Each structure stands twice: as structure tokens, then as C-alpha cells.
């Protein structure tokens, strides 16, 4: 392995980067977190209403973009930020 190559691997139920446990030697709230891979998956829903009588129910007053959606989500998610989640596009 060269110095610039990164190798991710799994041994049993533990994750390693370049042969070392992720979060090696760390704990959280008294529990060991070595080898654990943390993430949070957030999803958006898109509504495509083909009924002209109800289509306006889903109309949004501005054009959605990834940046505006992320900003609104962040504004509504102080609990997630306080818990250590980071938000990225």
C-alpha cells in the first residue's frame, strides 16, 4: 500500500481505515465506539400530483434548490445540530 492510498475494510462487525479501527480508543456515554461507523440519512419527498384539482395543494412559493432546501432543513433542526449532526450538500 502506498502512502497516498486509503484502504477501508471490515473485520467481523468492525470498520477499519488503513488497518486501524475507526474511532480507535474512543467511547461515547460510557460505551466503546471503536470500529463503529456512524451516519444519519435524511431524505426528501417529491410530490407529483397529476390531478389538476389538487395540484395547487403541493405548490411551493419559490423554486426549490439544494441550497434553499438545506437551509430550511438546518433552520428546523436545532436538536440535530446540538446532538452533533453536520449538514452538507
Protein backbone atom coordinates (compact mmCIF):
# COMPACT_ATOMS: atom_id res chain seq x y z
CA UNK A 1 0.00 0.00 0.00
CA UNK A 2 1.39 3.42 -0.95
CA UNK A 3 1.30 6.37 1.44
CA UNK A 4 -1.42 8.06 -0.62
CA UNK A 5 -3.75 5.06 -0.82
CA UNK A 6 -6.58 4.67 1.69
CA UNK A 7 -7.99 1.22 2.33
CA UNK A 8 -11.35 0.70 4.05
CA UNK A 9 -12.06 -2.77 5.39
CA UNK A 10 -14.44 -4.68 7.64
CA UNK A 11 -13.44 -7.30 10.19
CA UNK A 12 -16.48 -9.03 11.61
CA UNK A 13 -18.76 -6.13 12.54
CA UNK A 14 -15.99 -3.51 12.88
CA UNK A 15 -14.86 -0.94 10.29
CA UNK A 16 -11.20 -0.12 9.71
CA UNK A 17 -9.30 2.51 7.71
CA UNK A 18 -5.77 1.51 6.71
CA UNK A 19 -5.91 -1.38 9.18
CA UNK A 20 -6.89 0.78 12.17
CA UNK A 21 -10.29 0.77 13.84
CA UNK A 22 -12.48 3.78 13.16
CA UNK A 23 -12.80 5.75 16.43
CA UNK A 24 -9.95 3.73 17.94
CA UNK A 25 -9.78 4.18 21.71
CA UNK A 26 -12.94 6.31 21.85
CA UNK A 27 -16.16 5.95 23.80
CA UNK A 28 -19.46 7.80 23.95
CA UNK A 29 -21.66 7.94 27.04
CA UNK A 30 -19.57 5.19 28.59
CA UNK A 31 -19.83 2.80 25.64
CA UNK A 32 -16.97 1.87 23.36
CA UNK A 33 -17.45 3.06 19.79
CA UNK A 34 -14.32 1.54 18.27
CA UNK A 35 -14.98 0.18 14.81
CA UNK A 36 -18.47 1.65 14.58
CA UNK A 37 -19.45 3.69 11.54
CA UNK A 38 -21.91 6.48 12.35
CA UNK A 39 -24.16 8.32 9.94
CA UNK A 40 -27.53 9.92 9.65
CA UNK A 41 -29.55 9.60 6.47
CA UNK A 42 -32.06 12.30 5.69
CA UNK A 43 -34.48 12.09 2.79
CA UNK A 44 -36.75 14.47 0.94
CA UNK A 45 -40.01 13.61 -0.76
CA UNK A 46 -41.18 14.93 -4.09
CA UNK A 47 -44.88 15.04 -4.88
CA UNK A 48 -46.01 14.83 -8.50
CA UNK A 49 -49.76 15.32 -8.40
CA UNK A 50 -51.38 14.61 -11.78
CA UNK A 51 -54.82 15.74 -10.58
CA UNK A 52 -55.38 19.40 -11.67
CA UNK A 53 -57.94 19.85 -8.88
CA UNK A 54 -55.41 19.13 -6.11
CA UNK A 55 -52.10 20.06 -7.76
CA UNK A 56 -52.08 23.52 -6.12
CA UNK A 57 -52.02 21.92 -2.66
CA UNK A 58 -48.38 21.00 -3.25
CA UNK A 59 -47.30 24.27 -4.88
CA UNK A 60 -44.33 25.92 -3.19
CA UNK A 61 -44.00 29.73 -3.41
CA UNK A 62 -40.43 29.68 -4.75
CA UNK A 63 -38.20 27.49 -6.86
CA UNK A 64 -36.59 24.73 -4.80
CA UNK A 65 -32.84 24.35 -4.92
CA UNK A 66 -30.49 22.11 -2.95
CA UNK A 67 -29.15 25.14 -1.08
CA UNK A 68 -32.52 26.54 -0.05
CA UNK A 69 -33.80 23.11 0.95
CA UNK A 70 -30.70 22.52 3.06
CA UNK A 71 -31.00 25.95 4.70
CA UNK A 72 -34.61 25.34 5.63
CA UNK A 73 -33.81 21.90 6.98
CA UNK A 74 -30.97 23.29 9.09
CA UNK A 75 -33.24 26.02 10.47
CA UNK A 76 -35.74 23.36 11.55
CA UNK A 77 -33.13 21.03 13.01
CA UNK A 78 -31.52 22.66 16.08
CA UNK A 79 -31.81 19.41 18.00
CA UNK A 80 -29.80 17.57 15.35
CA UNK A 81 -27.05 20.20 15.38
CA UNK A 82 -26.92 20.14 19.18
CA UNK A 83 -26.51 16.36 19.00
CA UNK A 84 -23.52 16.76 16.69
CA UNK A 85 -25.00 16.22 13.24
CA UNK A 86 -23.41 18.22 10.47
CA UNK A 87 -25.39 19.20 7.41
CA UNK A 88 -23.82 19.19 3.94
CA UNK A 89 -24.92 19.19 0.35
